[in-house]
C-alpha atoms as a PDB file:
ATOM      1  CA  UNK A   1       4.808  13.814 -11.855  1.00  0.00           C
ATOM      2  CA  UNK A   2       2.794  12.413  -8.647  1.00  0.00           C
ATOM      3  CA  UNK A   3       4.698   9.592  -7.347  1.00  0.00           C
ATOM      4  CA  UNK A   4       4.804   6.935  -4.660  1.00  0.00           C
ATOM      5  CA  UNK A   5       7.179   3.970  -4.012  1.00  0.00           C
ATOM      6  CA  UNK A   6       5.166   0.799  -3.237  1.00  0.00           C
ATOM      7  CA  UNK A   7       4.749  -2.963  -3.095  1.00  0.00           C
ATOM      8  CA  UNK A   8       2.505  -4.537  -5.773  1.00  0.00           C
ATOM      9  CA  UNK A   9      -0.001  -7.450  -5.139  1.00  0.00           C
ATOM     10  CA  UNK A  10      -0.309 -10.536  -7.061  1.00  0.00           C
ATOM     11  CA  UNK A  11      -3.368 -10.773  -9.416  1.00  0.00           C
ATOM     12  CA  UNK A  12      -5.090 -13.671  -7.452  1.00  0.00           C
ATOM     13  CA  UNK A  13      -4.927 -11.626  -4.256  1.00  0.00           C
ATOM     14  CA  UNK A  14      -6.279  -8.186  -5.863  1.00  0.00           C
ATOM     15  CA  UNK A  15      -9.337 -10.445  -7.409  1.00  0.00           C
ATOM     16  CA  UNK A  16      -9.970 -12.034  -4.049  1.00  0.00           C
ATOM     17  CA  UNK A  17      -9.779  -8.375  -2.164  1.00  0.00           C
ATOM     18  CA  UNK A  18     -12.112  -6.928  -5.183  1.00  0.00           C
ATOM     19  CA  UNK A  19     -14.752  -9.825  -4.329  1.00  0.00           C
ATOM     20  CA  UNK A  20     -14.747  -8.597  -0.762  1.00  0.00           C
ATOM     21  CA  UNK A  21     -15.231  -5.026  -1.849  1.00  0.00           C
ATOM     22  CA  UNK A  22     -17.771  -5.958  -4.145  1.00  0.00           C
ATOM     23  CA  UNK A  23     -19.840  -7.179  -1.023  1.00  0.00           C
ATOM     24  CA  UNK A  24     -19.015  -4.258   1.000  1.00  0.00           C
ATOM     25  CA  UNK A  25     -20.477  -1.709  -1.876  1.00  0.00           C
ATOM     26  CA  UNK A  26     -23.942  -3.382  -1.286  1.00  0.00           C
ATOM     27  CA  UNK A  27     -23.649  -2.410   2.206  1.00  0.00           C
ATOM     28  CA  UNK A  28     -22.825   1.409   1.949  1.00  0.00           C
ATOM     29  CA  UNK A  29     -22.854   3.541  -1.207  1.00  0.00           C
ATOM     30  CA  UNK A  30     -21.019   6.769   0.425  1.00  0.00           C
ATOM     31  CA  UNK A  31     -17.612   5.324   0.095  1.00  0.00           C
ATOM     32  CA  UNK A  32     -14.873   5.682  -2.602  1.00  0.00           C
ATOM     33  CA  UNK A  33     -13.400   1.944  -2.851  1.00  0.00           C
ATOM     34  CA  UNK A  34     -10.271   1.414  -4.493  1.00  0.00           C
ATOM     35  CA  UNK A  35     -10.370  -0.226  -7.873  1.00  0.00           C
ATOM     36  CA  UNK A  36      -8.983  -3.604  -7.694  1.00  0.00           C
ATOM     37  CA  UNK A  37      -6.122  -2.953 -10.396  1.00  0.00           C
ATOM     38  CA  UNK A  38      -4.825  -0.133  -7.983  1.00  0.00           C
ATOM     39  CA  UNK A  39      -4.303  -2.230  -5.189  1.00  0.00           C
ATOM     40  CA  UNK A  40      -0.950  -1.845  -3.749  1.00  0.00           C
ATOM     41  CA  UNK A  41       0.931  -1.217  -0.254  1.00  0.00           C
ATOM     42  CA  UNK A  42       2.392   2.104  -0.341  1.00  0.00           C
ATOM     43  CA  UNK A  43       5.917   2.314   1.342  1.00  0.00           C
ATOM     44  CA  UNK A  44       6.510   6.304   0.664  1.00  0.00           C
ATOM     45  CA  UNK A  45       4.181   8.763  -0.892  1.00  0.00           C
ATOM     46  CA  UNK A  46       6.394  11.169  -2.485  1.00  0.00           C
ATOM     47  CA  UNK A  47       4.041  13.682  -4.328  1.00  0.00           C
ATOM     48  CA  UNK A  48       4.628  15.840  -6.978  1.00  0.00           C
ATOM     49  CA  UNK A  49       8.371  15.530  -8.280  1.00  0.00           C
ATOM     50  CA  UNK A  50      10.439  16.714 -11.135  1.00  0.00           C
ATOM     51  CA  UNK A  51      11.323  13.866 -13.754  1.00  0.00           C
ATOM     52  CA  UNK A  52      15.262  14.806 -13.180  1.00  0.00           C
ATOM     53  CA  UNK A  53      15.156  13.379  -9.392  1.00  0.00           C
ATOM     54  CA  UNK A  54      14.082   9.749 -10.746  1.00  0.00           C
ATOM     55  CA  UNK A  55      17.429   8.482 -11.366  1.00  0.00           C
ATOM     56  CA  UNK A  56      18.493   9.664  -7.979  1.00  0.00           C
ATOM     57  CA  UNK A  57      15.459   8.334  -6.500  1.00  0.00           C
ATOM     58  CA  UNK A  58      15.993   4.713  -8.342  1.00  0.00           C
ATOM     59  CA  UNK A  59      19.834   4.688  -7.486  1.00  0.00           C
ATOM     60  CA  UNK A  60      19.017   4.806  -3.710  1.00  0.00           C
ATOM     61  CA  UNK A  61      16.451   2.226  -3.977  1.00  0.00           C
ATOM     62  CA  UNK A  62      18.830   0.057  -5.767  1.00  0.00           C
ATOM     63  CA  UNK A  63      21.314   0.345  -3.081  1.00  0.00           C
ATOM     64  CA  UNK A  64      18.410  -0.026  -0.458  1.00  0.00           C
ATOM     65  CA  UNK A  65      17.627  -3.486  -2.485  1.00  0.00           C
ATOM     66  CA  UNK A  66      20.844  -5.006  -2.094  1.00  0.00           C
ATOM     67  CA  UNK A  67      20.412  -5.219   1.608  1.00  0.00           C
ATOM     68  CA  UNK A  68      17.025  -6.936   1.542  1.00  0.00           C
ATOM     69  CA  UNK A  69      16.266 -10.320   0.476  1.00  0.00           C
ATOM     70  CA  UNK A  70      12.595 -11.408  -0.703  1.00  0.00           C
ATOM     71  CA  UNK A  71      10.202 -11.761   2.071  1.00  0.00           C
ATOM     72  CA  UNK A  72       6.392 -13.034   2.656  1.00  0.00           C
ATOM     73  CA  UNK A  73       3.506 -10.664   3.861  1.00  0.00           C
ATOM     74  CA  UNK A  74       0.203 -11.980   5.002  1.00  0.00           C
ATOM     75  CA  UNK A  75      -2.814  -9.912   4.325  1.00  0.00           C
ATOM     76  CA  UNK A  76      -5.087 -10.598   7.210  1.00  0.00           C
ATOM     77  CA  UNK A  77      -8.168  -9.038   9.237  1.00  0.00           C
ATOM     78  CA  UNK A  78      -9.873  -5.340   8.300  1.00  0.00           C
ATOM     79  CA  UNK A  79      -9.540  -2.116  10.322  1.00  0.00           C
ATOM     80  CA  UNK A  80     -10.495   1.447   9.927  1.00  0.00           C
ATOM     81  CA  UNK A  81      -8.844   4.695  10.841  1.00  0.00           C
ATOM     82  CA  UNK A  82      -9.321   6.171  13.356  1.00  0.00           C
ATOM     83  CA  UNK A  83     -11.679   3.065  14.574  1.00  0.00           C
ATOM     84  CA  UNK A  84     -14.175   1.033  13.367  1.00  0.00           C
ATOM     85  CA  UNK A  85     -16.749   2.560  15.197  1.00  0.00           C
ATOM     86  CA  UNK A  86     -15.900   5.862  13.376  1.00  0.00           C
ATOM     87  CA  UNK A  87     -14.312   4.716  10.049  1.00  0.00           C
ATOM     88  CA  UNK A  88     -12.841   7.277   7.537  1.00  0.00           C
ATOM     89  CA  UNK A  89     -10.516   4.906   5.888  1.00  0.00           C
ATOM     90  CA  UNK A  90     -11.176   1.516   5.530  1.00  0.00           C
ATOM     91  CA  UNK A  91      -8.045  -0.825   5.415  1.00  0.00           C
ATOM     92  CA  UNK A  92      -7.010  -4.581   5.182  1.00  0.00           C
ATOM     93  CA  UNK A  93      -4.235  -5.525   7.907  1.00  0.00           C
ATOM     94  CA  UNK A  94      -0.831  -6.838   7.337  1.00  0.00           C
ATOM     95  CA  UNK A  95       0.500  -9.397   9.691  1.00  0.00           C
ATOM     96  CA  UNK A  96       3.566  -8.223  11.519  1.00  0.00           C
ATOM     97  CA  UNK A  97       6.509  -8.348   9.563  1.00  0.00           C
ATOM     98  CA  UNK A  98       9.805  -7.040  10.427  1.00  0.00           C
ATOM     99  CA  UNK A  99      11.307  -7.323   6.848  1.00  0.00           C
ATOM    100  CA  UNK A 100       8.509  -4.980   5.748  1.00  0.00           C
ATOM    101  CA  UNK A 101       9.046  -2.571   8.714  1.00  0.00           C
ATOM    102  CA  UNK A 102      12.863  -2.460   8.323  1.00  0.00           C
ATOM    103  CA  UNK A 103      12.647  -1.905   4.192  1.00  0.00           C
ATOM    104  CA  UNK A 104      10.182   0.840   4.823  1.00  0.00           C
ATOM    105  CA  UNK A 105      12.085   2.409   7.387  1.00  0.00           C
ATOM    106  CA  UNK A 106      15.399   2.426   5.036  1.00  0.00           C
ATOM    107  CA  UNK A 107      12.988   3.863   2.444  1.00  0.00           C
ATOM    108  CA  UNK A 108      11.826   6.478   4.460  1.00  0.00           C
ATOM    109  CA  UNK A 109      15.311   7.668   5.503  1.00  0.00           C
ATOM    110  CA  UNK A 110      16.665   7.602   2.171  1.00  0.00           C
ATOM    111  CA  UNK A 111      13.612   9.889   0.523  1.00  0.00           C
ATOM    112  CA  UNK A 112      14.015  12.207   3.725  1.00  0.00           C
ATOM    113  CA  UNK A 113      17.610  12.816   2.640  1.00  0.00           C
ATOM    114  CA  UNK A 114      16.538  13.821  -0.710  1.00  0.00           C
ATOM    115  CA  UNK A 115      14.254  16.328   0.710  1.00  0.00           C
ATOM    116  CA  UNK A 116      11.028  14.380   1.165  1.00  0.00           C
ATOM    117  CA  UNK A 117       9.018  15.063   4.017  1.00  0.00           C
ATOM    118  CA  UNK A 118       9.838  12.275   6.722  1.00  0.00           C
ATOM    119  CA  UNK A 119       6.874  10.641   8.511  1.00  0.00           C
ATOM    120  CA  UNK A 120       7.327   9.644  11.936  1.00  0.00           C
ATOM    121  CA  UNK A 121       5.103   6.590  11.923  1.00  0.00           C
ATOM    122  CA  UNK A 122       4.354   3.801   9.611  1.00  0.00           C
ATOM    123  CA  UNK A 123       1.048   1.710  10.171  1.00  0.00           C
ATOM    124  CA  UNK A 124       1.189  -1.324   7.637  1.00  0.00           C
ATOM    125  CA  UNK A 125      -1.889  -1.503   6.065  1.00  0.00           C
ATOM    126  CA  UNK A 126      -3.543  -1.807   2.371  1.00  0.00           C
ATOM    127  CA  UNK A 127      -6.219   0.815   1.700  1.00  0.00           C
ATOM    128  CA  UNK A 128      -9.344  -0.495   0.153  1.00  0.00           C
ATOM    129  CA  UNK A 129     -11.759   2.582   1.125  1.00  0.00           C
ATOM    130  CA  UNK A 130     -12.556   6.008   1.843  1.00  0.00           C
ATOM    131  CA  UNK A 131     -15.540   7.339   3.267  1.00  0.00           C
ATOM    132  CA  UNK A 132     -17.098  10.360   1.171  1.00  0.00           C
ATOM    133  CA  UNK A 133     -19.665  11.460   3.454  1.00  0.00           C
ATOM    134  CA  UNK A 134     -20.466  12.732   7.004  1.00  0.00           C
ATOM    135  CA  UNK A 135     -20.347   9.009   8.500  1.00  0.00           C
ATOM    136  CA  UNK A 136     -20.642   5.441   8.077  1.00  0.00           C
ATOM    137  CA  UNK A 137     -24.027   3.782   7.942  1.00  0.00           C
ATOM    138  CA  UNK A 138     -24.774   1.352  10.819  1.00  0.00           C
ATOM    139  CA  UNK A 139     -24.859  -1.747   8.434  1.00  0.00           C
ATOM    140  CA  UNK A 140     -21.175  -1.012   7.506  1.00  0.00           C
ATOM    141  CA  UNK A 141     -20.037  -0.929  11.043  1.00  0.00           C
ATOM    142  CA  UNK A 142     -21.596  -3.992  11.348  1.00  0.00           C
ATOM    143  CA  UNK A 143     -20.276  -5.523   8.274  1.00  0.00           C
ATOM    144  CA  UNK A 144     -16.563  -4.317   9.373  1.00  0.00           C
ATOM    145  CA  UNK A 145     -17.214  -5.878  12.928  1.00  0.00           C
ATOM    146  CA  UNK A 146     -18.661  -9.208  12.206  1.00  0.00           C
ATOM    147  CA  UNK A 147     -18.614 -10.301   8.465  1.00  0.00           C
ATOM    148  CA  UNK A 148     -14.732 -10.105   7.963  1.00  0.00           C
ATOM    149  CA  UNK A 149     -12.539 -12.867   6.432  1.00  0.00           C
ATOM    150  CA  UNK A 150     -10.034 -13.879   8.608  1.00  0.00           C
ATOM    151  CA  UNK A 151      -7.134 -13.678   5.940  1.00  0.00           C
ATOM    152  CA  UNK A 152      -6.634 -12.372   2.484  1.00  0.00           C
ATOM    153  CA  UNK A 153      -3.711 -14.132   1.455  1.00  0.00           C
ATOM    154  CA  UNK A 154       0.118 -14.903   1.560  1.00  0.00           C
ATOM    155  CA  UNK A 155       2.355 -13.510  -0.799  1.00  0.00           C
ATOM    156  CA  UNK A 156       6.083 -13.124  -1.715  1.00  0.00           C
ATOM    157  CA  UNK A 157       7.562  -9.464  -2.111  1.00  0.00           C
ATOM    158  CA  UNK A 158      10.407  -9.789  -4.819  1.00  0.00           C
ATOM    159  CA  UNK A 159      10.465  -5.965  -5.769  1.00  0.00           C
ATOM    160  CA  UNK A 160       9.488  -2.745  -5.112  1.00  0.00           C
ATOM    161  CA  UNK A 161       8.541  -0.024  -7.367  1.00  0.00           C
ATOM    162  CA  UNK A 162       8.304   3.507  -8.068  1.00  0.00           C
ATOM    163  CA  UNK A 163       4.695   4.301  -9.320  1.00  0.00           C
ATOM    164  CA  UNK A 164       3.053   7.360 -11.130  1.00  0.00           C
ATOM    165  CA  UNK A 165      -0.399   8.385 -10.285  1.00  0.00           C
ATOM    166  CA  UNK A 166      -2.565  10.178 -12.841  1.00  0.00           C
ATOM    167  CA  UNK A 167      -5.495  11.734 -11.412  1.00  0.00           C
ATOM    168  CA  UNK A 168      -8.971  11.772 -13.674  1.00  0.00           C
ATOM    169  CA  UNK A 169     -12.522  12.375 -12.761  1.00  0.00           C
ATOM    170  CA  UNK A 170     -12.950   8.624 -12.515  1.00  0.00           C
ATOM    171  CA  UNK A 171     -10.205   8.235  -9.925  1.00  0.00           C
ATOM    172  CA  UNK A 172      -6.428   7.569  -9.906  1.00  0.00           C
ATOM    173  CA  UNK A 173      -4.696   5.328 -12.588  1.00  0.00           C
ATOM    174  CA  UNK A 174      -1.298   4.003 -11.375  1.00  0.00           C
ATOM    175  CA  UNK A 175       1.577   3.170 -13.826  1.00  0.00           C
ATOM    176  CA  UNK A 176       4.816   1.444 -12.704  1.00  0.00           C
ATOM    177  CA  UNK A 177       7.656   3.182 -13.989  1.00  0.00           C
ATOM    178  CA  UNK A 178      10.558   1.423 -12.348  1.00  0.00           C
ATOM    179  CA  UNK A 179      10.786  -1.899 -10.973  1.00  0.00           C
ATOM    180  CA  UNK A 180      13.637  -2.554  -8.266  1.00  0.00           C
ATOM    181  CA  UNK A 181      14.108  -6.454  -7.408  1.00  0.00           C
ATOM    182  CA  UNK A 182      14.992  -7.170  -3.703  1.00  0.00           C
ATOM    183  CA  UNK A 183      18.348  -9.177  -3.855  1.00  0.00           C
ATOM    184  CA  UNK A 184      20.529  -9.428  -0.868  1.00  0.00           C
ATOM    185  CA  UNK A 185      23.934  -9.350  -1.876  1.00  0.00           C
ATOM    186  CA  UNK A 186      26.275 -11.473   0.208  1.00  0.00           C
ATOM    187  CA  UNK A 187      29.904 -11.253   0.641  1.00  0.00           C
ATOM    188  CA  UNK A 188      31.802 -14.230  -0.643  1.00  0.00           C
ATOM    189  CA  UNK A 189      34.149 -15.796   2.027  1.00  0.00           C
END
């Protein structure tokens, strides 16, 4: 199974972002846009895994969840990797969140203990598109530079998910395998 660990977005935010993507589709046709229902924030890409390791991944995430309370995330601005002038991946930004960084750091460390490759840098972002061709149009660069909403929404993160990705000619489809609620446990005095 091809899997990843993610934070899911509320439907109203997905709809707002989908509307924005629709406007960008009119500007440049040589981009593979993320389907609205597939929008998510990846905490850790696991890749192909054997099903028998899922219980261990779940147990580790449950232990992590006990140390984290639900928190808010604000989606704000737009950018591209490597840059707006030379975009290959187009993304929506995530306002600085110590809670998100701490959660992702623990997920990363725990998964590396299970043998998954450790990534040294986490750039919080929400991928919305990838360029297919040799380069972006001037209209896309202008659109990304000047015609961007200031904010895409604020939402509460209450759970993380183990997701399965199935690839098809029409693009990937994502399925929730396990939901892990964030629920910091406090010691009673």
